[in-house]
C-alpha atoms as a PDB file:
ATOM      1  CA  MET A   1       5.612  14.649   3.220  1.00  0.00           C
ATOM      2  CA  VAL A   2       6.005  13.255   7.013  1.00  0.00           C
ATOM      3  CA  ALA A   3       5.362  15.740   9.096  1.00  0.00           C
ATOM      4  CA  GLU A   4       7.005  13.789  12.031  1.00  0.00           C
ATOM      5  CA  ASP A   5       9.089  15.621  14.839  1.00  0.00           C
ATOM      6  CA  ASP A   6      10.744  12.470  16.876  1.00  0.00           C
ATOM      7  CA  ILE A   7      14.048  12.018  14.454  1.00  0.00           C
ATOM      8  CA  VAL A   8      14.145   8.144  15.473  1.00  0.00           C
ATOM      9  CA  ASN A   9      10.110   8.067  13.579  1.00  0.00           C
ATOM     10  CA  GLN A  10      11.777  10.062  10.853  1.00  0.00           C
ATOM     11  CA  ARG A  11      14.624   7.811  10.034  1.00  0.00           C
ATOM     12  CA  ILE A  12      12.420   4.426   9.962  1.00  0.00           C
ATOM     13  CA  ILE A  13       9.882   5.873   8.113  1.00  0.00           C
ATOM     14  CA  LYS A  14      12.170   7.692   5.496  1.00  0.00           C
ATOM     15  CA  SER A  15      14.160   4.445   5.677  1.00  0.00           C
ATOM     16  CA  ILE A  16      11.028   2.223   4.827  1.00  0.00           C
ATOM     17  CA  LEU A  17       9.741   4.400   2.130  1.00  0.00           C
ATOM     18  CA  ASP A  18      13.311   4.943   0.238  1.00  0.00           C
ATOM     19  CA  LYS A  19      12.939   1.508  -0.366  1.00  0.00           C
ATOM     20  CA  LYS A  20      10.415   1.913  -2.517  1.00  0.00           C
ATOM     21  CA  LYS A  21      12.092   4.860  -4.426  1.00  0.00           C
ATOM     22  CA  CYS A  22       9.372   7.310  -2.705  1.00  0.00           C
ATOM     23  CA  ILE A  23      10.702  10.949  -3.083  1.00  0.00           C
ATOM     24  CA  VAL A  24      10.435  12.123   1.245  1.00  0.00           C
ATOM     25  CA  SER A  25      10.139  15.547   2.542  1.00  0.00           C
ATOM     26  CA  ILE A  26      10.332  15.771   6.644  1.00  0.00           C
ATOM     27  CA  VAL A  27       9.166  18.323   8.653  1.00  0.00           C
ATOM     28  CA  SER A  28       9.364  18.860  12.292  1.00  0.00           C
ATOM     29  CA  ASN A  29       6.919  21.257  13.248  1.00  0.00           C
ATOM     30  CA  GLY A  30       3.033  22.218  12.431  1.00  0.00           C
ATOM     31  CA  LYS A  31       4.007  25.580  11.108  1.00  0.00           C
ATOM     32  CA  ASP A  32       6.843  24.253   8.474  1.00  0.00           C
ATOM     33  CA  THR A  33       4.095  21.613   7.653  1.00  0.00           C
ATOM     34  CA  LEU A  34       1.426  23.748   6.516  1.00  0.00           C
ATOM     35  CA  GLU A  35       3.788  26.018   4.751  1.00  0.00           C
ATOM     36  CA  TYR A  36       5.723  22.914   3.125  1.00  0.00           C
ATOM     37  CA  TRP A  37       2.104  21.898   1.804  1.00  0.00           C
ATOM     38  CA  GLN A  38       1.231  25.542   0.567  1.00  0.00           C
ATOM     39  CA  ASN A  39       4.430  25.778  -1.303  1.00  0.00           C
ATOM     40  CA  ASN A  40       5.289  22.554  -3.065  1.00  0.00           C
ATOM     41  CA  ASP A  41       3.321  19.858  -4.829  1.00  0.00           C
ATOM     42  CA  VAL A  42       2.479  17.005  -2.128  1.00  0.00           C
ATOM     43  CA  ASP A  43       0.976  13.394  -3.031  1.00  0.00           C
ATOM     44  CA  LEU A  44       0.282  12.282   0.645  1.00  0.00           C
ATOM     45  CA  ILE A  45       0.949  13.709   4.178  1.00  0.00           C
ATOM     46  CA  LEU A  46       1.984  10.945   6.856  1.00  0.00           C
ATOM     47  CA  MET A  47       0.926  12.979   9.779  1.00  0.00           C
ATOM     48  CA  ASP A  48       1.883  12.595  13.435  1.00  0.00           C
ATOM     49  CA  ILE A  49      -0.775  14.139  15.558  1.00  0.00           C
ATOM     50  CA  GLU A  50       1.230  15.428  18.358  1.00  0.00           C
ATOM     51  CA  MET A  51       3.007  17.959  16.779  1.00  0.00           C
ATOM     52  CA  PRO A  52       4.925  21.146  17.924  1.00  0.00           C
ATOM     53  CA  VAL A  53       3.504  24.723  17.178  1.00  0.00           C
ATOM     54  CA  MET A  54       0.388  23.138  15.830  1.00  0.00           C
ATOM     55  CA  ASN A  55      -0.836  19.679  16.195  1.00  0.00           C
ATOM     56  CA  GLY A  56      -1.824  17.266  13.455  1.00  0.00           C
ATOM     57  CA  PHE A  57      -5.430  18.689  13.981  1.00  0.00           C
ATOM     58  CA  GLU A  58      -5.028  21.787  13.747  1.00  0.00           C
ATOM     59  CA  ILE A  59      -3.017  21.266  10.715  1.00  0.00           C
ATOM     60  CA  VAL A  60      -5.798  19.175   8.743  1.00  0.00           C
ATOM     61  CA  LYS A  61      -8.258  21.386   9.576  1.00  0.00           C
ATOM     62  CA  GLU A  62      -6.268  24.408   8.049  1.00  0.00           C
ATOM     63  CA  ILE A  63      -5.293  22.437   5.221  1.00  0.00           C
ATOM     64  CA  ARG A  64      -9.205  21.122   4.285  1.00  0.00           C
ATOM     65  CA  GLU A  65     -10.061  25.253   4.835  1.00  0.00           C
ATOM     66  CA  ARG A  66      -7.507  26.064   2.175  1.00  0.00           C
ATOM     67  CA  GLU A  67      -8.293  23.223  -0.364  1.00  0.00           C
ATOM     68  CA  LEU A  68     -12.180  24.534  -0.493  1.00  0.00           C
ATOM     69  CA  VAL A  69     -10.542  27.558  -2.200  1.00  0.00           C
ATOM     70  CA  THR A  70      -7.932  26.031  -4.252  1.00  0.00           C
ATOM     71  CA  GLY A  71      -9.905  22.453  -5.343  1.00  0.00           C
ATOM     72  CA  LYS A  72      -6.652  20.015  -4.712  1.00  0.00           C
ATOM     73  CA  TYR A  73      -6.909  17.792  -2.629  1.00  0.00           C
ATOM     74  CA  THR A  74      -3.925  15.771  -0.329  1.00  0.00           C
ATOM     75  CA  PRO A  75      -4.477  12.218   0.937  1.00  0.00           C
ATOM     76  CA  ILE A  76      -3.372  12.659   4.654  1.00  0.00           C
ATOM     77  CA  ILE A  77      -2.875   9.623   6.940  1.00  0.00           C
ATOM     78  CA  ALA A  78      -2.537   9.880  10.645  1.00  0.00           C
ATOM     79  CA  LEU A  79       0.563   9.125  12.612  1.00  0.00           C
ATOM     80  CA  THR A  80      -0.366   8.369  16.592  1.00  0.00           C
ATOM     81  CA  GLY A  81       0.616   6.327  19.604  1.00  0.00           C
ATOM     82  CA  ALA A  82      -3.005   6.225  20.476  1.00  0.00           C
ATOM     83  CA  THR A  83      -4.794   2.677  19.430  1.00  0.00           C
ATOM     84  CA  MET A  84      -8.253   2.874  20.774  1.00  0.00           C
ATOM     85  CA  ARG A  85     -11.015   2.762  17.924  1.00  0.00           C
ATOM     86  CA  GLU A  86     -12.255   6.205  19.117  1.00  0.00           C
ATOM     87  CA  ASP A  87      -9.149   7.462  18.182  1.00  0.00           C
ATOM     88  CA  ARG A  88      -9.021   6.305  14.334  1.00  0.00           C
ATOM     89  CA  GLU A  89     -12.546   7.218  14.123  1.00  0.00           C
ATOM     90  CA  LYS A  90     -11.691  10.909  15.260  1.00  0.00           C
ATOM     91  CA  CYS A  91      -8.569  11.149  12.771  1.00  0.00           C
ATOM     92  CA  LEU A  92     -11.366  10.157  10.094  1.00  0.00           C
ATOM     93  CA  LYS A  93     -13.974  12.604  11.541  1.00  0.00           C
ATOM     94  CA  MET A  94     -11.382  15.313  11.208  1.00  0.00           C
ATOM     95  CA  GLY A  95     -10.228  14.935   7.881  1.00  0.00           C
ATOM     96  CA  MET A  96      -7.705  12.204   7.609  1.00  0.00           C
ATOM     97  CA  ASP A  97      -7.851   9.344   5.398  1.00  0.00           C
ATOM     98  CA  GLY A  98      -6.196   6.864   6.753  1.00  0.00           C
ATOM     99  CA  TYR A  99      -4.433   5.875  10.497  1.00  0.00           C
ATOM    100  CA  ILE A 100      -1.178   4.031  10.900  1.00  0.00           C
ATOM    101  CA  SER A 101      -0.287   3.217  14.755  1.00  0.00           C
ATOM    102  CA  LYS A 102       2.799   3.720  16.425  1.00  0.00           C
ATOM    103  CA  PRO A 103       5.211   1.578  16.744  1.00  0.00           C
ATOM    104  CA  ILE A 104       5.738   2.510  13.083  1.00  0.00           C
ATOM    105  CA  ARG A 105       5.587  -1.259  11.063  1.00  0.00           C
ATOM    106  CA  ILE A 106       7.000  -1.493   7.473  1.00  0.00           C
ATOM    107  CA  ASP A 107       3.539  -3.278   7.157  1.00  0.00           C
ATOM    108  CA  ARG A 108       0.998  -0.740   8.313  1.00  0.00           C
ATOM    109  CA  ILE A 109       2.742   2.125   6.677  1.00  0.00           C
ATOM    110  CA  TYR A 110       2.586  -0.170   2.846  1.00  0.00           C
ATOM    111  CA  GLN A 111      -1.128  -0.992   3.800  1.00  0.00           C
ATOM    112  CA  ALA A 112      -2.107   2.599   4.172  1.00  0.00           C
ATOM    113  CA  ILE A 113      -0.437   4.380   1.687  1.00  0.00           C
ATOM    114  CA  ASN A 114      -1.686   1.579  -0.932  1.00  0.00           C
ATOM    115  CA  SER A 115      -5.206   2.110   0.512  1.00  0.00           C
ATOM    116  CA  VAL A 116      -5.544   5.693   0.463  1.00  0.00           C
ATOM    117  CA  LEU A 117      -3.165   6.569  -3.253  1.00  0.00           C
ATOM    118  CA  ARG A 118      -5.548   3.494  -4.765  1.00  0.00           C
ATOM    119  CA  LYS A 119      -8.850   5.389  -3.586  1.00  0.00           C
ATOM    120  CA  TYR A 120      -7.896   8.954  -4.226  1.00  0.00           C
ATOM    121  CA  ARG A 121      -5.401   8.458  -7.210  1.00  0.00           C
ATOM    122  CA  LYS A 122      -7.288   6.100  -8.870  1.00  0.00           C
ATOM    123  CA  ILE A 123      -4.332   3.795  -8.959  1.00  0.00           C
ATOM    124  CA  GLU A 124      -5.417   0.089 -10.506  1.00  0.00           C
ATOM    125  CA  SER A 125      -3.586  -3.033  -9.107  1.00  0.00           C
ATOM    126  CA  LEU A 126      -2.787  -3.968 -12.314  1.00  0.00           C
ATOM    127  CA  SER A 127      -1.205  -2.921 -15.515  1.00  0.00           C
ATOM    128  CA  ILE A 128      -3.407  -4.602 -18.425  1.00  0.00           C
ATOM    129  CA  ARG A 129      -2.069  -2.493 -21.138  1.00  0.00           C
ATOM    130  CA  GLN A 130       1.620  -2.977 -20.476  1.00  0.00           C
ATOM    131  CA  PHE A 131       1.294  -6.992 -20.740  1.00  0.00           C
ATOM    132  CA  LEU A 132      -0.751  -7.123 -23.956  1.00  0.00           C
ATOM    133  CA  GLU A 133       2.063  -5.243 -25.260  1.00  0.00           C
ATOM    134  CA  ARG A 134       4.412  -8.304 -23.685  1.00  0.00           C
ATOM    135  CA  VAL A 135       2.502 -10.741 -25.610  1.00  0.00           C
ATOM    136  CA  ASP A 136       2.449  -8.540 -28.912  1.00  0.00           C
ATOM    137  CA  GLY A 137      -0.890  -7.690 -28.643  1.00  0.00           C
ATOM    138  CA  ASP A 138      -2.001 -11.108 -29.060  1.00  0.00           C
ATOM    139  CA  LYS A 139      -5.504 -10.705 -27.006  1.00  0.00           C
ATOM    140  CA  GLU A 140      -5.943 -14.955 -27.132  1.00  0.00           C
ATOM    141  CA  VAL A 141      -3.000 -15.481 -25.064  1.00  0.00           C
ATOM    142  CA  LEU A 142      -3.698 -12.975 -22.622  1.00  0.00           C
ATOM    143  CA  THR A 143      -7.396 -14.519 -22.082  1.00  0.00           C
ATOM    144  CA  GLU A 144      -5.730 -17.839 -21.545  1.00  0.00           C
ATOM    145  CA  ILE A 145      -3.190 -16.582 -19.280  1.00  0.00           C
ATOM    146  CA  ILE A 146      -6.012 -14.347 -17.063  1.00  0.00           C
ATOM    147  CA  GLU A 147      -8.153 -17.513 -17.643  1.00  0.00           C
ATOM    148  CA  ASP A 148      -5.357 -19.283 -15.715  1.00  0.00           C
ATOM    149  CA  ILE A 149      -4.731 -16.743 -12.983  1.00  0.00           C
ATOM    150  CA  ILE A 150      -8.577 -16.361 -12.015  1.00  0.00           C
ATOM    151  CA  SER A 151      -8.388 -20.259 -11.999  1.00  0.00           C
ATOM    152  CA  ASP A 152      -8.665 -22.065  -8.172  1.00  0.00           C
ATOM    153  CA  ASP A 153      -5.711 -23.935  -9.278  1.00  0.00           C
ATOM    154  CA  TYR A 154      -3.460 -20.825  -9.737  1.00  0.00           C
ATOM    155  CA  GLU A 155      -4.654 -19.712  -6.125  1.00  0.00           C
ATOM    156  CA  LYS A 156      -3.801 -23.110  -4.708  1.00  0.00           C
ATOM    157  CA  GLU A 157      -0.520 -23.259  -6.565  1.00  0.00           C
ATOM    158  CA  TYR A 158       0.489 -20.001  -5.119  1.00  0.00           C
ATOM    159  CA  LEU A 159      -1.045 -18.939  -2.549  1.00  0.00           C
ATOM    160  CA  GLY A 160      -2.333 -22.490  -1.089  1.00  0.00           C
ATOM    161  CA  ASN A 161       1.465 -23.240  -1.071  1.00  0.00           C
ATOM    162  CA  ILE A 162       2.752 -20.206   0.660  1.00  0.00           C
ATOM    163  CA  GLU A 163      -0.415 -20.141   3.439  1.00  0.00           C
ATOM    164  CA  THR A 164       0.916 -24.153   4.081  1.00  0.00           C
ATOM    165  CA  CYS A 165       4.732 -22.742   4.821  1.00  0.00           C
ATOM    166  CA  ILE A 166       3.443 -20.355   7.234  1.00  0.00           C
ATOM    167  CA  GLU A 167       1.548 -22.651   8.698  1.00  0.00           C
ATOM    168  CA  GLN A 168       4.401 -25.377   9.004  1.00  0.00           C
ATOM    169  CA  GLY A 169       6.497 -22.519  10.000  1.00  0.00           C
ATOM    170  CA  ASN A 170       8.698 -23.606   6.914  1.00  0.00           C
ATOM    171  CA  LEU A 171      10.558 -20.211   5.913  1.00  0.00           C
ATOM    172  CA  GLU A 172      12.824 -21.457   3.607  1.00  0.00           C
ATOM    173  CA  ALA A 173      10.090 -23.052   1.679  1.00  0.00           C
ATOM    174  CA  LEU A 174       8.210 -19.976   1.812  1.00  0.00           C
ATOM    175  CA  ASN A 175      10.484 -17.531   0.808  1.00  0.00           C
ATOM    176  CA  LYS A 176      11.076 -19.969  -2.628  1.00  0.00           C
ATOM    177  CA  ASN A 177       7.204 -19.614  -3.101  1.00  0.00           C
ATOM    178  CA  ILE A 178       7.073 -15.841  -2.453  1.00  0.00           C
ATOM    179  CA  HIS A 179       9.537 -15.617  -5.018  1.00  0.00           C
ATOM    180  CA  LYS A 180       7.999 -17.792  -7.157  1.00  0.00           C
ATOM    181  CA  PHE A 181       4.441 -15.746  -6.570  1.00  0.00           C
ATOM    182  CA  LYS A 182       6.015 -12.463  -7.065  1.00  0.00           C
ATOM    183  CA  GLY A 183       7.879 -13.500 -10.543  1.00  0.00           C
ATOM    184  CA  SER A 184       4.525 -14.507 -11.933  1.00  0.00           C
ATOM    185  CA  ILE A 185       2.191 -11.503 -10.749  1.00  0.00           C
ATOM    186  CA  SER A 186       5.110  -8.917 -11.358  1.00  0.00           C
ATOM    187  CA  ASN A 187       4.290  -9.634 -15.357  1.00  0.00           C
ATOM    188  CA  PHE A 188       1.250  -7.328 -14.469  1.00  0.00           C
ATOM    189  CA  ASP A 189       3.093  -5.110 -12.402  1.00  0.00           C
ATOM    190  CA  ALA A 190       0.840  -5.891  -9.479  1.00  0.00           C
ATOM    191  CA  TYR A 191       2.644  -3.348  -7.415  1.00  0.00           C
ATOM    192  CA  ASN A 192       0.603  -3.733  -4.638  1.00  0.00           C
ATOM    193  CA  ALA A 193       0.601  -7.542  -4.037  1.00  0.00           C
ATOM    194  CA  ILE A 194       4.692  -7.209  -4.880  1.00  0.00           C
ATOM    195  CA  ASN A 195       4.945  -4.789  -2.392  1.00  0.00           C
ATOM    196  CA  ILE A 196       3.388  -7.046   0.006  1.00  0.00           C
ATOM    197  CA  LEU A 197       5.685  -9.773  -0.875  1.00  0.00           C
ATOM    198  CA  GLU A 198       8.364  -8.154  -0.397  1.00  0.00           C
ATOM    199  CA  THR A 199       7.557  -7.364   2.938  1.00  0.00           C
ATOM    200  CA  MET A 200       6.887 -10.657   3.852  1.00  0.00           C
ATOM    201  CA  GLY A 201      10.339 -11.858   2.182  1.00  0.00           C
ATOM    202  CA  GLU A 202      11.713  -8.823   4.301  1.00  0.00           C
ATOM    203  CA  ASN A 203      10.212 -10.230   7.785  1.00  0.00           C
ATOM    204  CA  ILE A 204      11.784 -14.046   7.049  1.00  0.00           C
ATOM    205  CA  LYS A 205      15.221 -12.801   7.576  1.00  0.00           C
ATOM    206  CA  SER A 206      13.648 -11.745  11.313  1.00  0.00           C
ATOM    207  CA  ARG A 207      11.603 -15.002  11.366  1.00  0.00           C
ATOM    208  CA  ASN A 208       8.928 -12.692  12.441  1.00  0.00           C
ATOM    209  CA  LEU A 209       5.933 -15.214  11.821  1.00  0.00           C
ATOM    210  CA  TYR A 210       3.374 -12.531  13.326  1.00  0.00           C
ATOM    211  CA  ILE A 211       4.235  -9.851  10.924  1.00  0.00           C
ATOM    212  CA  ILE A 212       4.318 -12.595   7.906  1.00  0.00           C
ATOM    213  CA  ARG A 213       0.920 -13.811   8.711  1.00  0.00           C
ATOM    214  CA  HIS A 214      -0.929 -10.416   8.967  1.00  0.00           C
ATOM    215  CA  LEU A 215       0.767  -9.959   5.649  1.00  0.00           C
ATOM    216  CA  PHE A 216      -0.591 -13.067   4.085  1.00  0.00           C
ATOM    217  CA  LYS A 217      -4.239 -11.807   4.829  1.00  0.00           C
ATOM    218  CA  GLU A 218      -3.640  -8.568   3.020  1.00  0.00           C
ATOM    219  CA  LEU A 219      -2.158 -10.579   0.010  1.00  0.00           C
ATOM    220  CA  LYS A 220      -5.195 -13.034   0.123  1.00  0.00           C
ATOM    221  CA  ASN A 221      -7.359  -9.532  -0.061  1.00  0.00           C
ATOM    222  CA  GLU A 222      -5.001  -8.213  -2.499  1.00  0.00           C
ATOM    223  CA  PHE A 223      -5.222 -11.114  -4.938  1.00  0.00           C
ATOM    224  CA  PHE A 224      -9.234 -11.003  -4.484  1.00  0.00           C
ATOM    225  CA  ASP A 225      -8.919  -7.455  -5.636  1.00  0.00           C
ATOM    226  CA  ILE A 226      -6.622  -8.517  -8.666  1.00  0.00           C
ATOM    227  CA  LYS A 227      -8.874 -11.496  -9.596  1.00  0.00           C
ATOM    228  CA  CYS A 228     -11.823  -9.060  -9.379  1.00  0.00           C
ATOM    229  CA  GLU A 229     -10.065  -6.705 -12.024  1.00  0.00           C
ATOM    230  CA  LEU A 230      -8.874  -9.275 -14.353  1.00  0.00           C
ATOM    231  CA  LYS A 231     -12.403 -10.752 -14.505  1.00  0.00           C
ATOM    232  CA  GLU A 232     -13.994  -7.146 -15.044  1.00  0.00           C
ATOM    233  CA  TYR A 233     -11.116  -6.900 -17.716  1.00  0.00           C
ATOM    234  CA  LYS A 234     -12.077  -9.971 -19.613  1.00  0.00           C
ATOM    235  CA  ARG A 235     -15.700  -9.429 -19.304  1.00  0.00           C
ATOM    236  CA  LYS A 236     -15.825  -5.662 -20.838  1.00  0.00           C
ATOM    237  CA  PHE A 237     -13.251  -6.414 -23.287  1.00  0.00           C
ATOM    238  CA  LEU A 238     -12.065  -9.912 -24.372  1.00  0.00           C
ATOM    239  CA  ASN A 239     -15.121 -11.583 -24.312  1.00  0.00           C
ATOM    240  CA  ASN A 240     -15.939 -10.506 -27.766  1.00  0.00           C
ATOM    241  CA  LEU A 241     -13.254 -11.945 -29.943  1.00  0.00           C
END
């Protein structure tokens, strides 16, 4: 659910989330936000702080109090034009789970949503079980593939080449390397990494190297998480073959 009264921001956010096949409901004031949350199954709320009728802090306070009775929990991400560190800390202290500063940017939304959903919905970065099915249940093949991905050579070939293209400003080569990496890592349904790669590709069209560099930092962090998950899976399930 998107709780936002500004029609331009509504359209921007809905457009961004529609591309990822999200089901988006939009409400324009605090009272309607609370009523919609009360009467519908909501996975996550993007909450504008400066809402009419009830502001974002008042809504969150009411939701968190009602959740003490219902026992359910809804992740809430703040949308705000404030950018100071204390503003972010206030949002988190008031019961929000994430923070997106305006103006709205694609990378900020994806980063915040992925972070919050992975934390509270226990969403894993990878689908190893599905990949095992793709190799017809052959754990030896899966072990070899995991060893390839967690190797330094794999990281140099994919992340290293992407980083070189960014440093050189070679957007044509960058686009090719992004598609190459996406094709490889998508075998594990690594949705977070795929989202970042797709957003990088979208920013190549507008030649926005500033955002691309920022996204690459997120990609490196995500790939580190992927390697950790693969190493742990290998340690727990595959080392006793």
